[in-house]
Protein backbone atom coordinates (compact mmCIF):
# COMPACT_ATOMS: atom_id res chain seq x y z
CA MET A 1 -9.21 26.70 -6.87
CA ALA A 2 -7.96 23.13 -7.58
CA LYS A 3 -9.31 20.42 -5.31
CA GLU A 4 -6.67 19.23 -2.82
CA MET A 5 -5.49 15.87 -3.57
CA LYS A 6 -6.22 12.89 -0.87
CA THR A 7 -3.08 11.79 0.85
CA TYR A 8 -2.01 8.66 2.74
CA ARG A 9 0.23 9.22 5.61
CA GLY A 10 1.44 12.46 3.86
CA TYR A 11 2.16 10.90 0.85
CA LYS A 12 0.33 11.81 -2.53
CA ILE A 13 -0.94 8.48 -4.26
CA LYS A 14 -1.96 7.72 -7.82
CA PHE A 15 -3.09 4.50 -9.50
CA TYR A 16 -1.48 4.31 -13.07
CA ALA A 17 -2.41 1.57 -15.78
CA ARG A 18 -0.80 1.16 -19.17
CA SER A 19 -3.86 0.30 -21.15
CA PHE A 20 -5.00 -0.66 -24.55
CA ASP A 21 -8.48 -1.95 -24.18
CA LEU A 22 -10.87 0.60 -22.57
CA ARG A 23 -13.42 -1.93 -21.46
CA LEU A 24 -10.77 -4.03 -19.49
CA TYR A 25 -9.14 -0.83 -17.92
CA GLU A 26 -12.49 0.29 -16.56
CA LEU A 27 -13.30 -3.24 -15.03
CA SER A 28 -9.92 -3.39 -13.52
CA ARG A 29 -10.18 0.30 -12.20
CA SER A 30 -13.64 -0.67 -10.42
CA PHE A 31 -11.57 -2.38 -7.91
CA TYR A 32 -9.26 0.41 -6.95
CA GLU A 33 -11.25 3.63 -7.81
CA GLU A 34 -13.34 3.58 -4.56
CA LEU A 35 -10.19 4.27 -2.62
CA GLY A 36 -10.41 7.91 -3.78
CA TYR A 37 -6.97 8.44 -5.32
CA PRO A 38 -6.70 9.65 -8.85
CA CYS A 39 -6.59 6.91 -11.63
CA VAL A 40 -4.35 7.59 -14.76
CA ARG A 41 -4.99 5.73 -17.75
CA LEU A 42 -1.59 5.64 -19.92
CA THR A 43 -2.14 4.82 -23.55
CA ASP A 44 0.16 4.38 -26.41
CA GLN A 45 3.33 4.25 -24.18
CA THR A 46 6.28 2.34 -24.72
CA ALA A 47 6.96 -0.82 -22.45
CA ASP A 48 9.45 1.34 -20.29
CA GLY A 49 8.48 4.85 -21.19
CA TYR A 50 5.60 4.84 -18.75
CA PHE A 51 8.01 4.45 -15.76
CA TYR A 52 9.46 7.92 -16.85
CA THR A 53 5.93 9.45 -17.33
CA MET A 54 5.21 8.51 -13.67
CA LEU A 55 8.44 9.97 -12.47
CA ARG A 56 7.84 13.16 -14.28
CA ASP A 57 4.51 13.54 -12.36
CA THR A 58 5.68 15.60 -9.32
CA ASP A 59 1.96 15.56 -7.87
CA CYS A 60 2.49 11.91 -7.09
CA ASP A 61 4.69 10.53 -4.26
CA ILE A 62 3.51 6.91 -4.39
CA ALA A 63 2.64 5.28 -7.75
CA ILE A 64 0.55 2.07 -7.74
CA ASN A 65 1.21 0.63 -11.12
CA VAL A 66 -1.62 -1.83 -12.08
CA ASP A 67 -2.05 -3.36 -15.59
CA GLU A 68 -5.51 -3.34 -16.95
CA ASP A 69 -5.77 -7.15 -16.65
CA CYS A 70 -4.44 -7.10 -13.01
CA PHE A 71 -7.59 -7.03 -10.65
CA LEU A 72 -7.22 -5.88 -7.17
CA ALA A 73 -8.38 -8.77 -4.69
CA ASP A 74 -8.05 -6.81 -1.36
CA ALA A 75 -7.84 -3.26 -0.77
CA ASP A 76 -6.63 -3.55 2.73
CA ALA A 77 -3.90 -5.82 1.68
CA LEU A 78 -2.79 -3.04 -0.65
CA ARG A 79 -2.48 -0.65 2.20
CA THR A 80 -0.07 -3.09 4.09
CA VAL A 81 2.08 -3.23 0.83
CA VAL A 82 1.99 0.76 0.84
CA ASP A 83 2.91 0.80 4.43
CA ALA A 84 5.73 -1.74 3.98
CA VAL A 85 7.39 0.58 1.29
CA ILE A 86 6.98 3.49 3.38
CA ASP A 87 8.05 2.14 6.65
CA GLY A 88 10.97 0.13 5.13
CA GLY A 89 12.29 3.03 2.83
CA LEU A 90 11.85 0.84 -0.15
CA ALA A 91 11.51 2.18 -3.65
CA ASN A 92 9.63 -0.79 -5.31
CA ALA A 93 7.37 -3.80 -4.29
CA GLY A 94 6.06 -6.20 -6.82
CA CYS A 95 6.51 -9.69 -8.26
CA PRO A 96 9.80 -11.17 -9.35
CA ASP A 97 10.18 -11.90 -13.02
CA GLY A 98 11.99 -14.92 -12.45
CA GLY A 99 11.96 -17.73 -9.59
CA GLY A 100 8.23 -16.93 -8.91
CA ASN A 101 5.19 -18.56 -9.77
CA CYS A 102 4.25 -16.35 -12.86
CA PRO A 103 4.95 -17.79 -16.47
CA ARG A 104 8.43 -16.34 -16.75
CA HIS A 105 11.97 -17.42 -16.13
CA GLY A 106 13.77 -14.06 -16.16
CA ASN A 107 15.79 -12.32 -13.55
CA PRO A 108 14.44 -12.39 -10.39
CA VAL A 109 16.04 -8.95 -9.33
CA VAL A 110 13.51 -7.58 -11.94
CA THR A 111 9.88 -7.07 -10.87
CA ASN A 112 7.22 -7.85 -13.51
CA PRO A 113 5.36 -4.66 -13.98
CA PHE A 114 1.89 -5.92 -13.88
CA PHE A 115 1.66 -4.69 -10.41
CA ASN A 116 4.22 -2.50 -8.40
CA VAL A 117 4.07 0.07 -5.60
CA PHE A 118 6.73 2.69 -6.49
CA ASN A 119 8.12 5.26 -4.07
CA LEU A 120 8.66 7.98 -6.48
CA LYS A 121 9.58 10.43 -4.04
CA LEU A 122 12.53 8.21 -3.26
CA ILE A 123 13.48 7.27 -6.53
CA ARG A 124 13.70 10.77 -7.82
CA GLU A 125 16.53 11.50 -5.48
CA LYS A 126 18.81 9.32 -7.75
CA PHE A 127 17.07 8.99 -10.87
CA SER A 128 18.41 10.35 -14.42
CA ALA A 129 18.14 8.62 -17.68
CA ASP A 130 21.74 8.78 -17.92
CA ALA A 131 22.01 6.94 -14.48
CA VAL A 132 19.72 3.99 -15.83
CA ARG A 133 21.59 3.91 -19.20
CA THR A 134 24.98 3.47 -17.72
CA TYR A 135 24.38 1.42 -14.70
CA ASP A 136 26.67 -1.41 -14.49
CA TYR A 137 24.66 -4.28 -13.00
CA ASP A 138 27.58 -6.74 -13.18
CA ALA A 139 29.16 -4.57 -10.46
CA ASP A 140 26.44 -5.12 -8.20
CA LYS A 141 25.28 -8.59 -9.02
CA ALA A 142 27.14 -10.52 -6.29
CA ARG A 143 25.62 -8.15 -3.67
CA LEU A 144 22.13 -8.47 -5.14
CA MET A 145 22.45 -12.27 -5.37
CA ALA A 146 23.57 -12.60 -1.60
CA GLU A 147 20.86 -10.23 -0.20
CA TYR A 148 18.07 -11.82 -2.32
CA PRO A 149 15.19 -13.57 -0.33
CA LYS A 150 15.88 -17.12 -1.13
CA GLU A 151 12.39 -18.18 -0.49
CA ARG A 152 11.42 -16.26 -3.71
CA LEU A 153 13.44 -18.78 -5.79
CA GLU A 154 11.01 -21.41 -6.48
CA THR A 155 11.02 -21.90 -10.20
CA ASP A 156 13.48 -21.28 -13.10
CA TYR A 157 15.38 -18.08 -13.08
CA SER A 158 18.78 -16.52 -14.12
CA PHE A 159 20.60 -13.65 -12.20
CA ASP A 160 22.75 -13.59 -15.50
CA ASN A 161 19.53 -12.63 -17.51
CA THR A 162 20.09 -8.69 -18.20
CA LYS A 163 18.28 -8.49 -21.55
CA TYR A 164 15.35 -10.95 -21.67
CA VAL A 165 12.80 -9.66 -23.95
CA GLU A 166 11.56 -6.43 -22.35
CA PRO A 167 13.00 -2.86 -22.68
CA TYR A 168 12.12 -2.39 -18.93
CA TYR A 169 14.61 -4.51 -17.63
CA ARG A 170 17.49 -1.89 -17.57
CA PHE A 171 15.31 0.51 -15.45
CA PHE A 172 14.44 -2.23 -12.88
CA LEU A 173 18.10 -3.57 -12.52
CA TRP A 174 19.13 0.11 -11.80
CA LEU A 175 16.26 0.37 -9.29
CA ALA A 176 17.26 -2.69 -7.66
CA GLY A 177 21.02 -1.69 -7.54
CA ASN A 178 20.26 1.76 -5.84
CA PHE A 179 17.24 0.99 -3.68
CA ARG A 180 15.64 -1.71 -1.70
CA THR A 181 12.80 -3.82 -3.31
CA LEU A 182 9.99 -5.92 -1.51
CA TYR A 183 9.79 -9.10 -3.56
CA LEU A 184 6.17 -10.33 -3.02
CA ALA A 185 5.19 -14.05 -2.95
CA SER A 186 3.19 -15.53 -5.88
CA GLY A 187 1.14 -18.59 -6.95
CA PHE A 188 -0.85 -19.95 -9.75
CA HIS A 189 -4.60 -19.59 -9.94
CA ALA A 190 -6.56 -22.68 -10.90
CA ASP A 191 -7.00 -21.63 -14.57
CA GLY A 192 -3.28 -22.48 -14.88
CA ILE A 193 -2.32 -18.99 -16.33
CA THR A 194 -3.19 -16.23 -14.02
CA THR A 195 -0.63 -15.00 -11.40
CA GLN A 196 -1.96 -14.59 -7.83
CA LEU A 197 0.20 -12.10 -5.89
CA TYR A 198 0.19 -12.01 -2.08
CA ALA A 199 0.74 -9.38 0.44
CA PRO A 200 3.36 -9.84 3.10
CA ASP A 201 0.93 -11.18 5.64
CA GLY A 202 -0.24 -13.82 3.16
CA ARG A 203 -3.42 -12.30 1.98
CA LEU A 204 -4.39 -12.43 -1.80
CA LEU A 205 -3.60 -8.89 -3.10
CA CYS A 206 -4.24 -9.11 -6.87
CA ALA A 207 -4.65 -11.49 -9.66
CA HIS A 208 -3.13 -10.96 -13.04
CA SER A 209 -4.71 -12.68 -15.98
CA TRP A 210 -1.93 -12.43 -18.68
CA PHE A 211 -2.85 -12.28 -22.34
CA ALA A 212 -4.72 -8.98 -22.20
CA ARG A 213 -3.87 -8.24 -25.70
CA PHE A 214 -6.15 -11.14 -26.86
CA TYR A 215 -9.01 -10.24 -24.52
CA SER A 216 -11.30 -9.27 -27.47
CA THR A 217 -9.05 -10.32 -30.39
CA PRO A 218 -10.71 -12.72 -32.91
CA THR A 219 -8.73 -16.15 -32.49
CA TRP A 220 -7.52 -16.16 -36.13
CA ILE A 221 -5.61 -12.86 -35.36
CA ALA A 222 -4.49 -13.98 -32.09
CA ARG A 223 -2.99 -17.29 -33.52
CA SER A 224 -1.18 -15.45 -36.13
CA PHE A 225 0.79 -13.50 -33.36
CA GLN A 226 1.21 -16.42 -30.89
CA ARG A 227 0.45 -20.02 -31.92
CA ALA A 228 -1.81 -21.88 -29.56
CA VAL A 229 -3.30 -18.82 -28.09
CA GLY A 230 -6.88 -17.89 -28.93
CA ILE A 231 -9.29 -15.28 -27.69
CA GLN A 232 -8.89 -14.93 -23.90
CA GLN A 233 -12.21 -13.13 -22.99
CA ASP A 234 -14.28 -16.11 -21.39
CA ARG A 235 -11.27 -16.85 -19.15
CA ILE A 236 -10.56 -13.26 -18.23
CA ASN A 237 -14.12 -12.34 -17.59
CA ALA A 238 -14.61 -15.45 -15.27
CA LEU A 239 -11.48 -14.19 -13.19
CA ILE A 240 -13.09 -10.72 -13.06
CA ASP A 241 -16.22 -12.25 -11.93
CA GLU A 242 -14.56 -14.15 -9.12
CA VAL A 243 -12.85 -11.21 -8.15
CA TYR A 244 -16.04 -9.40 -7.86
CA ALA A 245 -17.34 -11.96 -5.72
CA MET A 246 -14.42 -11.77 -3.32
CA ARG A 247 -14.91 -8.10 -3.09
CA GLY A 248 -18.59 -8.38 -2.50
CA MET A 249 -19.27 -6.17 -5.52
CA ARG A 250 -21.47 -6.45 -8.48
CA ARG A 251 -20.46 -6.15 -12.09
CA ARG A 252 -22.52 -3.21 -13.66
CA PRO A 253 -24.34 -4.43 -16.89
CA GLU A 254 -22.70 -2.96 -20.15
CA THR A 255 -24.93 -0.46 -21.97
CA ALA A 256 -25.09 0.14 -25.75
CA LEU A 257 -23.51 3.46 -25.25
CA ALA A 258 -20.40 1.93 -23.36
CA THR A 259 -20.12 -0.67 -25.98
CA MET A 260 -19.84 1.78 -28.56
CA ARG A 261 -17.15 3.84 -26.50
CA TYR A 262 -14.94 0.77 -26.15
CA THR A 263 -15.32 0.05 -29.96
CA LEU A 264 -14.37 3.65 -30.99
CA ASP A 265 -11.61 3.75 -28.53
CA LYS A 266 -10.01 0.24 -29.76
CA MET A 267 -10.20 1.67 -33.34
CA VAL A 268 -8.38 4.75 -32.01
CA ARG A 269 -5.79 2.53 -30.27
CA TRP A 270 -5.12 0.31 -33.06
CA SER A 271 -4.75 3.20 -35.60
CA ILE A 272 -1.81 4.52 -33.30
CA LYS A 273 -0.20 1.22 -32.31
CA VAL A 274 0.06 -0.29 -35.99
CA PRO A 275 2.12 2.71 -37.36
CA GLN A 276 4.15 3.00 -34.18
CA ARG A 277 5.20 -0.70 -34.45
CA VAL A 278 5.93 -0.32 -38.19
CA ALA A 279 8.03 2.64 -37.78
CA HIS A 280 10.27 0.78 -35.10
CA TRP A 281 10.94 -2.24 -37.55
CA PRO A 282 13.88 -0.65 -39.37
CA GLN A 283 15.49 0.47 -36.04
CA LYS A 284 15.01 -3.25 -34.32
CA LEU A 285 16.36 -4.86 -37.54
CA LYS A 286 19.36 -2.70 -37.70
CA LYS A 287 20.17 -3.24 -33.91
CA ARG A 288 19.73 -6.95 -34.34
CA LEU A 289 21.91 -7.20 -37.30
CA SER A 290 24.52 -4.84 -35.72
CA GLY A 291 24.51 -6.60 -32.35
CA LYS A 292 24.19 -3.21 -30.60
CA ASP A 293 22.71 -3.07 -27.18
CA ARG A 294 18.72 -2.96 -27.66
CA TRP A 295 18.36 -1.58 -24.16
CA SER A 296 19.74 1.88 -24.66
CA LEU A 297 17.46 4.61 -23.55
């Protein structure tokens, strides 16, 4: 007989992480697995496809989406965010992609998916791929601007930005237009890169390091993709150690067997990712040359 899933206030909860680096995923997971909810590692998923993977999982009512380079600083603060989503009848809680203290200047209506609390049970009431694809943001823009919490507009942003550089924009615009979102406050870490996200009561909720793709990538490879960016492992490890200290936890030593697992997993991830990227090049070039909407699902 299947083991009954642990619930919170009658809601079935799962953690999800879109992951490329198994080592980083396991380090991040160590901060929330103690809560006893299932932790799902999503690999080889597109930048918007993993939202639809969550929505198809009917064994989950509340999805806590945590990037593998996002580290939970306070488990009790997380509960206050989940409570706010449930009590407020909200569909989403997260960090604005523009206007906040993260290195982005996009549309503040969109939340950056390094951390989200999604009320999937509520979202499923209206969700369909067609609804997302045909959503008319311009029809709702004035209302969304008027309702937006002005205290979250601290830095550069644009409500006119509907495409930016990420394929998940259309999903989040549809989400904001059809449901209410809790936009969380953010700030910069002392390292000048990491985004710190805060719960509604002001407690530090989590820290998102950014540049996870360069966590264990040699500098010469990293710089071929993004100039002036090298290997990020020392900075991210320092952040992880800092969060361990906050949580009163100790980082387990890495065994030789674990190192081997991480290396083999990365080889598998690269063997899948590179062909995926190359296969999409003709389609991306065709859309760019034709001027067609790159955000169609």
